Amino acid sequence: MTELIKTYLDDISPVSLKLPAGACDSHFHIFGPANVFPYVETRNFTPVDATKDQLFDLHHRLGIDRGVIVQTAFHGYDNSATADAIAARPNDYLGVALAPAVISTEELKKLYKQGFRGVRFNFMAHLKTKDSMEDILALTHRLEPLGMHLQIHFEPSLVHSLSSELKKSAVPVMIDHMGRVDASLGVNHPDFQGLLQLMKDPKFHMKVSGLDRISKVPPYEDGIPFAKTLVDEFTDRCVWGTDWPHPNHHHIPDDAVLVNSIARIADNAEKIEHIMVKNPEQFYGFGASN
């Protein structure tokens, strides 16, 4: 099965955009290998292995020097595969864990020492968290002393109901994939406007990843205005990511197309430097001691 990933890596387009030194992919996943890091039995399907070595190869081809590995639901609360990838290149890679909101402080400290800098919760129909918002907010008070953050992945319509609760977080909140808005509805749709309103609070940060998820057809022209608006208005609080290897998707995007789109999302060198280097360096703490 890993040969499918290898073939895909061989088929990516040329990258026309030269990224700055220290460029960071702030959202992607590691799958397996399943014979070393088994997938959870409750999964809906078995993914193709997407290993750390394949990831490192992809980043080399794309001109990416650093990365933030987001723990996948296929491995559940066992963050071992992600921790293993971080340990292989600890100066260049950090992680975001999956964990129950009632995780012990000792376990949080262990995750931090392994290179994890946040905990993610999903409010998606296919990945709905079992934790209450009350417990998640209580967790943020234990994340705060460690310098860890809260990462939230939600359905676009939930921005209206979740915003007031998320503002109570004791730590910075990173929002996944531009709030999963539907680009076909336009930038004036209430869901995107609600997202922009939420971002006016400096506690919130945004991943301008998932261009291929909010839009349907490559090269994702109707998604560009959403990402560009976020970067233009909140330049110092946006980061970018590939979302490789693109799980639970209706197609497999060409990661080179996504990289090349950065020049349109961030339309000058200063903005590119912010979303690709300065912001992830500051937010995730690359170079900081564990």
Protein backbone atom coordinates (compact mmCIF):
# COMPACT_ATOMS: atom_id res chain seq x y z
CA MET A 1 0.00 0.00 0.00
CA THR A 2 2.85 2.41 0.62
CA GLU A 3 3.69 2.12 -3.08
CA LEU A 4 0.56 4.18 -3.79
CA ILE A 5 2.01 7.04 -1.78
CA LYS A 6 5.40 6.61 -3.45
CA THR A 7 3.81 6.81 -6.90
CA TYR A 8 1.91 9.91 -5.90
CA LEU A 9 5.09 11.58 -4.64
CA ASP A 10 6.76 10.80 -7.97
CA ASP A 11 3.88 12.41 -9.87
CA ILE A 12 3.64 15.80 -8.14
CA SER A 13 4.05 18.85 -10.36
CA PRO A 14 7.12 21.09 -10.34
CA VAL A 15 7.12 23.79 -7.68
CA SER A 16 7.46 27.24 -9.20
CA LEU A 17 7.47 29.18 -5.91
CA LYS A 18 10.77 29.20 -4.03
CA LEU A 19 9.91 29.23 -0.35
CA PRO A 20 12.00 31.20 2.16
CA ALA A 21 14.53 29.46 4.39
CA GLY A 22 12.85 27.93 7.42
CA ALA A 23 9.51 27.51 5.63
CA CYS A 24 7.06 25.48 7.71
CA ASP A 25 4.23 23.14 6.74
CA SER A 26 1.99 23.66 9.77
CA HIS A 27 -0.54 20.89 9.14
CA PHE A 28 -0.10 17.32 7.90
CA HIS A 29 -0.33 13.77 9.22
CA ILE A 30 1.67 10.55 9.59
CA PHE A 31 -0.09 7.22 8.99
CA GLY A 32 1.67 4.14 10.30
CA PRO A 33 3.36 2.12 9.12
CA ALA A 34 0.53 -0.02 10.45
CA ASN A 35 2.79 -2.97 11.24
CA VAL A 36 4.66 -0.72 13.69
CA PHE A 37 1.94 1.74 14.76
CA PRO A 38 -1.44 -0.03 14.45
CA TYR A 39 -4.57 1.88 13.48
CA VAL A 40 -7.52 2.05 15.86
CA GLU A 41 -10.02 -0.76 15.48
CA THR A 42 -12.93 1.69 15.35
CA ARG A 43 -11.75 3.29 12.07
CA ASN A 44 -14.17 3.52 9.13
CA PHE A 45 -11.52 2.35 6.66
CA THR A 46 -7.83 1.51 6.58
CA PRO A 47 -5.69 4.29 5.12
CA VAL A 48 -2.64 3.84 2.94
CA ASP A 49 0.50 4.12 5.09
CA ALA A 50 2.02 7.61 4.82
CA THR A 51 5.27 7.38 6.73
CA LYS A 52 7.71 9.89 8.14
CA ASP A 53 10.31 9.09 5.46
CA GLN A 54 7.77 9.72 2.69
CA LEU A 55 6.83 12.96 4.41
CA PHE A 56 10.46 14.08 4.66
CA ASP A 57 10.87 13.28 0.96
CA LEU A 58 7.80 15.36 0.07
CA HIS A 59 8.99 18.32 2.11
CA HIS A 60 12.41 18.18 0.48
CA ARG A 61 10.78 18.33 -2.95
CA LEU A 62 8.52 21.20 -1.97
CA GLY A 63 11.30 23.25 -0.37
CA ILE A 64 9.90 22.97 3.17
CA ASP A 65 12.32 22.89 6.12
CA ARG A 66 10.02 22.50 9.13
CA GLY A 67 6.70 20.98 9.99
CA VAL A 68 3.94 20.49 12.55
CA ILE A 69 2.57 16.95 12.56
CA VAL A 70 -1.08 16.74 13.56
CA GLN A 71 -2.05 13.47 15.19
CA THR A 72 -4.54 11.55 13.07
CA ALA A 73 -7.77 9.96 14.29
CA PHE A 74 -6.62 6.75 12.58
CA HIS A 75 -4.18 6.35 15.49
CA GLY A 76 -6.55 7.81 18.08
CA TYR A 77 -5.03 8.82 21.41
CA ASP A 78 -1.90 6.76 20.79
CA ASN A 79 0.41 9.55 19.64
CA SER A 80 3.38 7.19 19.12
CA ALA A 81 3.63 7.48 15.32
CA THR A 82 3.71 11.27 15.54
CA ALA A 83 6.19 11.21 18.42
CA ASP A 84 8.43 8.85 16.44
CA ALA A 85 8.48 11.23 13.47
CA ILE A 86 9.28 14.22 15.70
CA ALA A 87 12.12 12.27 17.35
CA ALA A 88 13.66 11.57 13.94
CA ARG A 89 14.15 15.31 13.31
CA PRO A 90 13.51 17.09 16.62
CA ASN A 91 14.95 20.43 15.54
CA ASP A 92 12.64 20.65 12.53
CA TYR A 93 9.39 18.96 13.53
CA LEU A 94 6.85 19.47 16.33
CA GLY A 95 3.38 18.04 16.88
CA VAL A 96 -0.23 18.53 17.90
CA ALA A 97 -1.71 15.65 19.88
CA LEU A 98 -5.08 14.01 20.19
CA ALA A 99 -6.04 13.38 23.80
CA PRO A 100 -9.13 13.26 25.99
CA ALA A 101 -9.90 16.54 27.72
CA VAL A 102 -9.44 14.80 31.08
CA ILE A 103 -5.85 13.78 30.27
CA SER A 104 -3.64 14.04 33.34
CA THR A 105 -1.18 16.89 33.77
CA GLU A 106 1.64 14.35 33.92
CA GLU A 107 0.64 12.98 30.52
CA LEU A 108 0.51 16.52 29.14
CA LYS A 109 4.04 17.13 30.40
CA LYS A 110 5.16 13.92 28.71
CA LEU A 111 3.60 15.05 25.43
CA TYR A 112 5.34 18.40 25.71
CA LYS A 113 8.73 16.74 26.23
CA GLN A 114 8.08 14.62 23.13
CA GLY A 115 7.62 17.80 21.09
CA PHE A 116 3.85 18.29 21.15
CA ARG A 117 2.73 21.91 21.40
CA GLY A 118 -1.04 21.63 21.35
CA VAL A 119 -4.09 19.38 21.65
CA ARG A 120 -6.68 19.11 18.87
CA PHE A 121 -10.43 18.60 19.15
CA ASN A 122 -12.72 17.83 16.21
CA PHE A 123 -16.26 19.14 15.82
CA MET A 124 -16.84 17.54 12.43
CA ALA A 125 -19.67 15.16 11.55
CA HIS A 126 -17.19 12.37 10.77
CA LEU A 127 -14.79 13.15 13.66
CA LYS A 128 -16.96 14.46 16.45
CA THR A 129 -15.29 14.79 19.83
CA LYS A 130 -16.78 13.01 22.84
CA ASP A 131 -15.53 15.74 25.17
CA SER A 132 -17.75 18.49 26.49
CA MET A 133 -16.82 22.11 25.90
CA GLU A 134 -16.74 22.52 29.68
CA ASP A 135 -14.02 19.85 29.95
CA ILE A 136 -12.11 21.27 26.97
CA LEU A 137 -12.08 24.73 28.51
CA ALA A 138 -10.96 23.27 31.83
CA LEU A 139 -8.10 21.57 29.97
CA THR A 140 -6.90 24.92 28.62
CA HIS A 141 -6.04 26.02 32.16
CA ARG A 142 -3.67 23.03 32.38
CA LEU A 143 -2.25 23.70 28.92
CA GLU A 144 -1.40 27.28 29.84
CA PRO A 145 1.56 26.64 32.19
CA LEU A 146 3.14 24.38 29.56
CA GLY A 147 2.82 26.95 26.78
CA MET A 148 0.57 24.62 24.78
CA HIS A 149 -2.39 25.71 22.66
CA LEU A 150 -5.86 24.49 21.70
CA GLN A 151 -6.54 23.45 18.11
CA ILE A 152 -10.12 23.27 16.86
CA HIS A 153 -11.53 21.69 13.70
CA PHE A 154 -15.21 22.47 13.13
CA GLU A 155 -18.05 22.46 10.62
CA PRO A 156 -18.46 25.96 9.14
CA SER A 157 -21.90 26.61 10.63
CA LEU A 158 -20.57 25.95 14.14
CA VAL A 159 -18.53 29.17 14.15
CA HIS A 160 -21.65 30.96 15.39
CA SER A 161 -22.29 28.71 18.38
CA LEU A 162 -18.71 27.86 19.30
CA SER A 163 -17.23 31.37 19.19
CA SER A 164 -18.49 32.58 22.55
CA GLU A 165 -17.27 29.41 24.26
CA LEU A 166 -13.87 29.36 22.58
CA LYS A 167 -13.25 32.94 23.68
CA LYS A 168 -13.13 31.58 27.24
CA SER A 169 -10.01 29.53 26.44
CA ALA A 170 -7.05 30.20 28.72
CA VAL A 171 -4.64 29.61 25.81
CA PRO A 172 -4.35 30.63 22.16
CA VAL A 173 -6.74 28.84 19.80
CA MET A 174 -5.68 27.64 16.34
CA ILE A 175 -8.53 27.13 13.87
CA ASP A 176 -8.12 24.45 11.21
CA HIS A 177 -8.59 24.79 7.46
CA MET A 178 -10.18 28.26 7.33
CA GLY A 179 -13.13 27.03 9.37
CA ARG A 180 -14.02 24.59 6.56
CA VAL A 181 -16.13 27.27 4.86
CA ASP A 182 -17.73 26.51 1.49
CA ALA A 183 -16.04 28.70 -1.13
CA SER A 184 -18.99 28.34 -3.52
CA LEU A 185 -21.08 30.44 -1.11
CA GLY A 186 -18.84 33.49 -1.43
CA VAL A 187 -16.92 35.60 1.05
CA ASN A 188 -20.06 37.45 2.20
CA HIS A 189 -21.69 34.28 3.53
CA PRO A 190 -22.44 34.49 7.29
CA ASP A 191 -20.14 31.55 8.10
CA PHE A 192 -17.06 33.28 6.70
CA GLN A 193 -18.10 36.62 8.12
CA GLY A 194 -18.48 34.95 11.51
CA LEU A 195 -14.98 33.56 11.15
CA LEU A 196 -13.58 37.01 10.37
CA GLN A 197 -15.38 38.41 13.40
CA LEU A 198 -13.88 35.70 15.62
CA MET A 199 -10.40 36.43 14.28
CA LYS A 200 -10.64 40.02 15.51
CA ASP A 201 -9.91 38.54 18.94
CA PRO A 202 -6.10 38.27 19.13
CA LYS A 203 -6.42 34.94 20.96
CA PHE A 204 -7.31 33.25 17.67
CA HIS A 205 -4.99 32.04 14.93
CA MET A 206 -5.81 30.53 11.54
CA LYS A 207 -4.49 27.76 9.34
CA VAL A 208 -4.92 28.89 5.74
CA SER A 209 -4.68 25.22 4.84
CA GLY A 210 -7.37 23.17 3.16
CA LEU A 211 -7.74 25.37 0.08
CA ASP A 212 -8.58 22.12 -1.68
CA ARG A 213 -11.26 21.36 0.92
CA ILE A 214 -13.16 24.65 0.83
CA SER A 215 -12.96 24.60 -2.99
CA LYS A 216 -13.76 21.60 -5.17
CA VAL A 217 -11.85 21.89 -8.43
CA PRO A 218 -8.08 22.44 -8.92
CA PRO A 219 -6.48 24.95 -8.93
CA TYR A 220 -9.12 26.06 -6.40
CA GLU A 221 -9.66 29.56 -7.79
CA ASP A 222 -12.82 30.23 -5.78
CA GLY A 223 -10.96 29.47 -2.54
CA ILE A 224 -8.17 32.02 -3.06
CA PRO A 225 -10.20 35.10 -1.95
CA PHE A 226 -10.97 33.45 1.41
CA ALA A 227 -7.36 32.64 2.20
CA LYS A 228 -6.13 35.99 0.90
CA THR A 229 -8.65 37.92 3.01
CA LEU A 230 -7.50 36.09 6.13
CA VAL A 231 -3.82 36.68 5.37
CA ASP A 232 -4.39 40.33 4.44
CA GLU A 233 -6.36 41.09 7.60
CA PHE A 234 -4.51 38.86 10.08
CA THR A 235 -1.02 38.58 8.61
CA ASP A 236 0.66 37.92 11.96
CA ARG A 237 -1.76 35.16 13.02
CA CYS A 238 -2.00 32.91 9.96
CA VAL A 239 0.04 29.81 9.17
CA TRP A 240 -0.10 27.51 6.13
CA GLY A 241 -0.17 23.72 5.68
CA THR A 242 -0.53 20.99 3.06
CA ASP A 243 -2.81 18.62 5.03
CA TRP A 244 -0.83 15.75 3.43
CA PRO A 245 -1.76 12.94 2.79
CA HIS A 246 -5.25 14.47 2.57
CA PRO A 247 -7.43 12.01 4.52
CA ASN A 248 -11.23 11.85 4.22
CA HIS A 249 -11.13 13.78 0.96
CA HIS A 250 -13.06 13.70 -2.32
CA HIS A 251 -9.81 13.81 -4.32
CA ILE A 252 -6.04 13.79 -3.81
CA PRO A 253 -4.64 17.28 -4.40
CA ASP A 254 -1.28 17.95 -5.99
CA ASP A 255 0.78 19.42 -3.14
CA ALA A 256 2.88 21.43 -5.59
CA VAL A 257 -0.30 23.20 -6.73
CA LEU A 258 -1.03 24.05 -3.10
CA VAL A 259 2.50 25.42 -2.60
CA ASN A 260 2.32 27.47 -5.77
CA SER A 261 -0.97 29.01 -4.56
CA ILE A 262 0.87 30.59 -1.62
CA ALA A 263 2.06 33.41 -3.89
CA ARG A 264 -1.58 34.40 -4.48
CA ILE A 265 -2.72 33.91 -0.90
CA ALA A 266 0.18 35.99 0.43
CA ASP A 267 0.89 38.47 -2.34
CA ASN A 268 4.28 39.80 -1.29
CA ALA A 269 7.50 38.49 0.22
CA GLU A 270 6.77 39.94 3.66
CA LYS A 271 3.43 38.15 3.96
CA ILE A 272 4.96 34.88 2.74
CA GLU A 273 7.71 35.23 5.35
CA HIS A 274 5.07 35.70 8.03
CA ILE A 275 2.81 32.75 7.25
CA MET A 276 5.61 30.37 6.32
CA VAL A 277 8.41 31.28 8.77
CA LYS A 278 7.81 33.95 11.41
CA ASN A 279 4.33 32.99 12.56
CA PRO A 280 4.92 29.24 12.95
CA GLU A 281 8.29 29.89 14.56
CA GLN A 282 6.71 32.15 17.16
CA PHE A 283 3.48 30.21 17.67
CA TYR A 284 4.95 26.72 17.93
CA GLY A 285 8.30 27.69 19.45
CA PHE A 286 10.73 26.08 17.05
CA GLY A 287 14.17 26.04 18.63
CA ALA A 288 12.82 26.22 22.18
CA SER A 289 14.10 23.63 24.65
CA ASN A 290 11.78 20.79 25.66
